[in-house]
Every structure is written in C-alpha cells, then in structure tokens.
N, C-alpha and C. Protein backbone atom coordinates (compact mmCIF):
# COMPACT_ATOMS: atom_id res chain seq x y z
N MET A 1 20.66 -3.14 -14.85
CA MET A 1 19.83 -3.92 -15.80
C MET A 1 20.29 -4.10 -17.03
N THR A 2 20.34 -5.27 -17.48
CA THR A 2 20.98 -5.41 -18.77
C THR A 2 19.92 -4.96 -19.84
N GLN A 3 20.28 -4.55 -20.90
CA GLN A 3 19.32 -4.19 -21.98
C GLN A 3 19.79 -4.88 -23.28
N ARG A 4 18.76 -5.35 -24.01
CA ARG A 4 18.92 -6.02 -25.26
C ARG A 4 18.10 -5.70 -26.21
N ALA A 5 18.63 -5.53 -27.41
CA ALA A 5 17.63 -5.31 -28.64
C ALA A 5 17.05 -6.52 -28.78
N LEU A 6 15.59 -6.51 -29.15
CA LEU A 6 14.74 -7.75 -29.22
C LEU A 6 15.40 -8.64 -30.31
N ASN A 7 15.86 -8.10 -31.40
CA ASN A 7 16.25 -9.09 -32.56
C ASN A 7 17.53 -9.72 -32.07
N SER A 8 18.40 -9.13 -31.19
CA SER A 8 19.50 -9.93 -30.90
C SER A 8 19.31 -10.78 -29.74
N THR A 9 18.08 -10.69 -29.00
CA THR A 9 17.84 -11.62 -28.02
C THR A 9 17.69 -13.01 -28.36
N HIS A 10 17.08 -13.10 -29.70
CA HIS A 10 16.90 -14.50 -30.14
C HIS A 10 18.29 -15.28 -30.23
N ASP A 11 19.30 -14.70 -30.59
CA ASP A 11 20.53 -15.37 -30.65
C ASP A 11 21.19 -15.59 -29.29
N ASP A 12 21.02 -14.86 -28.31
CA ASP A 12 21.81 -15.07 -27.07
C ASP A 12 20.79 -15.09 -25.90
N LEU A 13 19.68 -15.83 -26.03
CA LEU A 13 18.71 -16.09 -24.93
C LEU A 13 19.40 -16.63 -23.76
N ALA A 14 20.15 -17.66 -24.01
CA ALA A 14 20.94 -18.31 -22.83
C ALA A 14 21.56 -17.16 -21.94
N ASP A 15 22.37 -16.40 -22.76
CA ASP A 15 23.11 -15.39 -21.89
C ASP A 15 22.02 -14.47 -21.14
N ALA A 16 20.95 -14.07 -21.77
CA ALA A 16 19.95 -13.27 -20.95
C ALA A 16 19.51 -14.02 -19.79
N ILE A 17 19.30 -15.28 -19.99
CA ILE A 17 18.61 -16.11 -18.78
C ILE A 17 19.82 -16.23 -17.69
N GLU A 18 21.12 -16.12 -18.06
CA GLU A 18 22.05 -16.14 -16.97
C GLU A 18 22.08 -15.03 -16.27
N HIS A 19 21.80 -13.85 -16.79
CA HIS A 19 21.75 -12.56 -16.27
C HIS A 19 20.64 -12.53 -15.17
N VAL A 20 19.45 -13.15 -15.73
CA VAL A 20 18.22 -13.15 -14.73
C VAL A 20 18.55 -14.14 -13.64
N GLU A 21 19.20 -15.20 -13.88
CA GLU A 21 19.62 -16.19 -12.71
C GLU A 21 20.46 -15.52 -11.74
N ASP A 22 21.39 -14.63 -12.14
CA ASP A 22 22.29 -13.79 -11.28
C ASP A 22 21.48 -12.77 -10.49
N GLY A 23 20.11 -12.50 -10.84
CA GLY A 23 19.32 -11.43 -10.06
C GLY A 23 19.26 -10.12 -10.87
N GLU A 24 19.77 -10.23 -12.08
CA GLU A 24 19.68 -8.97 -12.81
C GLU A 24 18.61 -9.01 -13.97
N PRO A 25 17.49 -8.19 -13.96
CA PRO A 25 16.57 -8.15 -14.89
C PRO A 25 17.11 -7.90 -16.38
N VAL A 26 16.49 -8.38 -17.40
CA VAL A 26 16.97 -8.12 -18.69
C VAL A 26 15.85 -7.37 -19.37
N LEU A 27 16.08 -6.19 -19.77
CA LEU A 27 15.14 -5.24 -20.56
C LEU A 27 15.15 -5.51 -22.08
N LEU A 28 14.05 -5.88 -22.69
CA LEU A 28 14.02 -6.05 -24.02
C LEU A 28 13.70 -4.95 -24.74
N GLU A 29 14.40 -4.45 -25.82
CA GLU A 29 13.94 -3.31 -26.49
C GLU A 29 13.79 -3.48 -27.88
N GLN A 30 12.98 -2.73 -28.52
CA GLN A 30 12.71 -2.89 -30.01
C GLN A 30 12.80 -1.41 -30.50
N ASP A 31 13.60 -1.10 -31.58
CA ASP A 31 13.97 0.21 -32.08
C ASP A 31 14.18 1.20 -30.92
N GLY A 32 14.92 0.85 -29.97
CA GLY A 32 15.39 1.73 -28.84
C GLY A 32 14.37 1.92 -27.74
N ARG A 33 13.11 1.32 -27.90
CA ARG A 33 11.98 1.46 -27.04
C ARG A 33 11.94 0.26 -26.12
N PRO A 34 11.78 0.38 -24.83
CA PRO A 34 11.61 -0.66 -23.95
C PRO A 34 10.27 -1.41 -24.30
N LEU A 35 10.39 -2.79 -24.38
CA LEU A 35 9.24 -3.63 -24.86
C LEU A 35 8.74 -4.52 -23.69
N ALA A 36 9.65 -5.12 -23.21
CA ALA A 36 9.30 -6.15 -22.21
C ALA A 36 10.50 -6.47 -21.29
N ALA A 37 10.34 -7.20 -20.29
CA ALA A 37 11.38 -7.49 -19.40
C ALA A 37 11.42 -8.95 -19.07
N ILE A 38 12.55 -9.52 -18.82
CA ILE A 38 12.74 -11.02 -18.30
C ILE A 38 13.15 -10.74 -16.86
N ILE A 39 12.33 -11.24 -16.08
CA ILE A 39 12.84 -11.27 -14.49
C ILE A 39 12.85 -12.66 -13.89
N SER A 40 13.39 -12.81 -12.73
CA SER A 40 13.49 -14.20 -12.12
C SER A 40 12.06 -14.45 -11.60
N ILE A 41 11.88 -15.79 -11.34
CA ILE A 41 10.63 -16.23 -10.74
C ILE A 41 10.46 -15.52 -9.33
N THR A 42 11.55 -15.37 -8.55
CA THR A 42 11.67 -14.74 -7.17
C THR A 42 11.05 -13.43 -7.35
N ASP A 43 11.52 -12.66 -8.34
CA ASP A 43 11.01 -11.19 -8.62
C ASP A 43 9.61 -11.23 -8.98
N LEU A 44 9.19 -12.10 -9.78
CA LEU A 44 7.75 -12.25 -10.29
C LEU A 44 6.88 -12.55 -8.96
N ARG A 45 7.30 -13.46 -8.10
CA ARG A 45 6.38 -13.85 -6.96
C ARG A 45 6.31 -12.57 -6.00
N PHE A 46 7.47 -11.87 -5.94
CA PHE A 46 7.42 -10.65 -5.13
C PHE A 46 6.46 -9.48 -5.77
N LEU A 47 6.50 -9.45 -7.02
CA LEU A 47 5.58 -8.48 -7.70
C LEU A 47 4.12 -8.82 -7.51
N GLU A 48 3.88 -10.18 -7.60
CA GLU A 48 2.48 -10.68 -7.53
C GLU A 48 2.01 -10.38 -6.20
N GLY A 49 2.98 -10.69 -5.10
CA GLY A 49 2.47 -10.37 -3.78
C GLY A 49 2.35 -8.76 -3.38
N CYS A 50 3.02 -7.94 -3.99
CA CYS A 50 2.83 -6.49 -3.91
C CYS A 50 1.38 -6.17 -4.68
N LEU A 51 1.24 -6.72 -5.72
CA LEU A 51 -0.13 -6.37 -6.41
C LEU A 51 -1.20 -7.04 -5.44
N GLU A 52 -1.09 -8.02 -4.99
CA GLU A 52 -2.22 -8.76 -4.11
C GLU A 52 -2.45 -7.81 -2.87
N GLU A 53 -1.36 -7.42 -2.23
CA GLU A 53 -1.38 -6.53 -1.01
C GLU A 53 -2.28 -5.27 -1.43
N ARG A 54 -1.74 -4.70 -2.61
CA ARG A 54 -2.42 -3.38 -3.10
C ARG A 54 -3.84 -3.65 -3.26
N GLU A 55 -4.22 -4.62 -3.94
CA GLU A 55 -5.68 -4.97 -4.12
C GLU A 55 -6.50 -5.06 -2.84
N ASP A 56 -5.81 -5.97 -1.91
CA ASP A 56 -6.47 -6.05 -0.49
C ASP A 56 -6.61 -4.81 0.23
N ARG A 57 -5.64 -3.82 0.10
CA ARG A 57 -5.71 -2.57 0.67
C ARG A 57 -6.78 -1.55 -0.01
N ILE A 58 -6.87 -1.63 -1.24
CA ILE A 58 -8.07 -1.02 -1.97
C ILE A 58 -9.42 -1.71 -1.50
N ASP A 59 -9.53 -2.93 -1.45
CA ASP A 59 -10.87 -3.62 -0.94
C ASP A 59 -11.26 -3.13 0.44
N ARG A 60 -10.17 -3.08 1.28
CA ARG A 60 -10.43 -2.64 2.76
C ARG A 60 -10.96 -1.24 2.78
N GLU A 61 -10.27 -0.36 1.99
CA GLU A 61 -10.67 0.97 1.94
C GLU A 61 -12.06 1.11 1.45
N GLU A 62 -12.45 0.47 0.40
CA GLU A 62 -13.82 0.38 -0.16
C GLU A 62 -14.94 -0.09 0.93
N ALA A 63 -14.47 -1.13 1.69
CA ALA A 63 -15.32 -1.74 2.58
C ALA A 63 -15.63 -0.67 3.72
N VAL A 64 -14.51 0.11 4.12
CA VAL A 64 -14.69 1.10 5.24
C VAL A 64 -15.62 2.17 4.77
N LYS A 65 -15.51 2.58 3.49
CA LYS A 65 -16.36 3.62 2.98
C LYS A 65 -17.80 3.26 2.89
N THR A 66 -17.97 1.88 2.39
CA THR A 66 -19.44 1.42 2.34
C THR A 66 -20.00 1.33 3.80
N LEU A 67 -19.22 0.82 4.81
CA LEU A 67 -19.79 0.61 6.15
C LEU A 67 -19.92 2.06 6.66
N ALA A 68 -19.31 3.16 6.33
CA ALA A 68 -19.60 4.30 6.79
C ALA A 68 -20.80 5.05 6.15
N GLU A 69 -20.92 4.75 4.79
CA GLU A 69 -22.17 5.07 4.23
C GLU A 69 -23.42 4.39 4.77
N ILE A 70 -23.34 3.16 5.11
CA ILE A 70 -24.48 2.45 5.82
C ILE A 70 -24.73 3.04 7.03
N ALA A 71 -23.56 3.36 7.87
CA ALA A 71 -23.87 4.06 9.25
C ALA A 71 -24.69 5.31 9.00
N ARG A 72 -24.22 6.18 8.10
CA ARG A 72 -24.86 7.53 7.75
C ARG A 72 -26.30 7.36 7.30
N GLU A 73 -26.43 6.57 6.20
CA GLU A 73 -27.74 6.52 5.63
C GLU A 73 -28.59 5.23 5.98
N GLY A 74 -28.16 4.37 6.61
CA GLY A 74 -28.80 3.16 6.80
C GLY A 74 -29.01 2.16 5.66
N THR A 75 -29.87 1.26 5.83
CA THR A 75 -30.06 0.30 4.74
C THR A 75 -31.55 0.06 4.23
N VAL A 76 -31.87 -0.44 3.29
CA VAL A 76 -33.24 -0.81 2.92
C VAL A 76 -33.39 -2.31 3.00
N PRO A 77 -34.55 -2.71 3.90
CA PRO A 77 -34.74 -4.02 4.01
C PRO A 77 -35.07 -4.73 2.52
N TYR A 78 -34.72 -6.02 2.57
CA TYR A 78 -34.73 -6.76 1.39
C TYR A 78 -36.19 -6.90 0.87
N ASP A 79 -37.08 -7.18 1.82
CA ASP A 79 -38.46 -7.17 1.47
C ASP A 79 -39.06 -5.98 0.86
N ALA A 80 -38.51 -4.95 1.33
CA ALA A 80 -38.95 -3.67 0.68
C ALA A 80 -38.42 -3.40 -0.87
N VAL A 81 -37.29 -3.88 -1.00
CA VAL A 81 -36.73 -3.78 -2.29
C VAL A 81 -37.51 -4.91 -3.29
N LYS A 82 -37.84 -6.10 -2.65
CA LYS A 82 -38.59 -7.03 -3.65
C LYS A 82 -39.95 -6.24 -3.95
N ARG A 83 -40.68 -5.59 -2.92
CA ARG A 83 -41.91 -5.11 -3.20
C ARG A 83 -41.83 -4.02 -4.21
N GLU A 84 -40.75 -3.19 -4.09
CA GLU A 84 -40.44 -2.07 -5.05
C GLU A 84 -40.24 -2.52 -6.37
N LEU A 85 -39.62 -3.61 -6.69
CA LEU A 85 -39.37 -4.10 -7.92
C LEU A 85 -40.42 -5.06 -8.43
N GLY A 86 -41.37 -5.26 -7.68
CA GLY A 86 -42.54 -6.11 -8.01
C GLY A 86 -42.16 -7.53 -8.06
N LEU A 87 -41.42 -7.92 -7.15
CA LEU A 87 -40.99 -9.50 -6.99
C LEU A 87 -41.70 -10.09 -5.90
N GLY A 88 -42.70 -9.73 -5.57
CA GLY A 88 -43.63 -10.40 -4.49
C GLY A 88 -43.09 -10.44 -3.16
N GLY A 89 -42.88 -9.33 -2.68
CA GLY A 89 -42.53 -9.26 -1.17
C GLY A 89 -43.45 -9.00 -0.17
N GLU A 90 -44.72 -9.47 -0.61
CA GLU A 90 -45.87 -9.34 0.36
C GLU A 90 -45.92 -10.49 1.39
C-alpha cells in the first residue's frame, strides 16, 4: 500500500490515482497518523458487498432468536394489546 502525507497529496493526486488504478490503495496520513484511504471503485463495491452480507447475517440471526422466543413464550393477540392500551379493542 502506498502511503502519502496529506499535505503532499495535493501536489501529486494524479500519481496517487494511478496507484489506485493499478490496484494499490493509497493511505493518506497527517502528522504520521493514518487519516483516510483512496481505493478503487472495484474495492469499494467489494467492501459494500461485504458489509451488506454482514448486515444480512446479523438480521437472520436476530430473526432466528425472535422466532425461538415466540416459540417459547408465544404471542399476544393484537386485540388484547389494543384493549390493554385502551385503544378500543372491544
């Protein structure tokens, strides 16, 4: 991975973009600390896909837990909830 000080990137952004086009991310640093990265669109799409898959997995796990809880404890009919809240379930 190429590393650049943030203040020098202003001068050679074209060079940094060439590195990215060649498949090499560019790490931007300020005062020796990593601040940001420039990555290719392909890498961005890949990371977005990974995040979406992770979110889907978390959602599935939560759905399984909820269904297990419903199987153990049952549900409350909607009319009973309305009556309890005074919303006219009579």
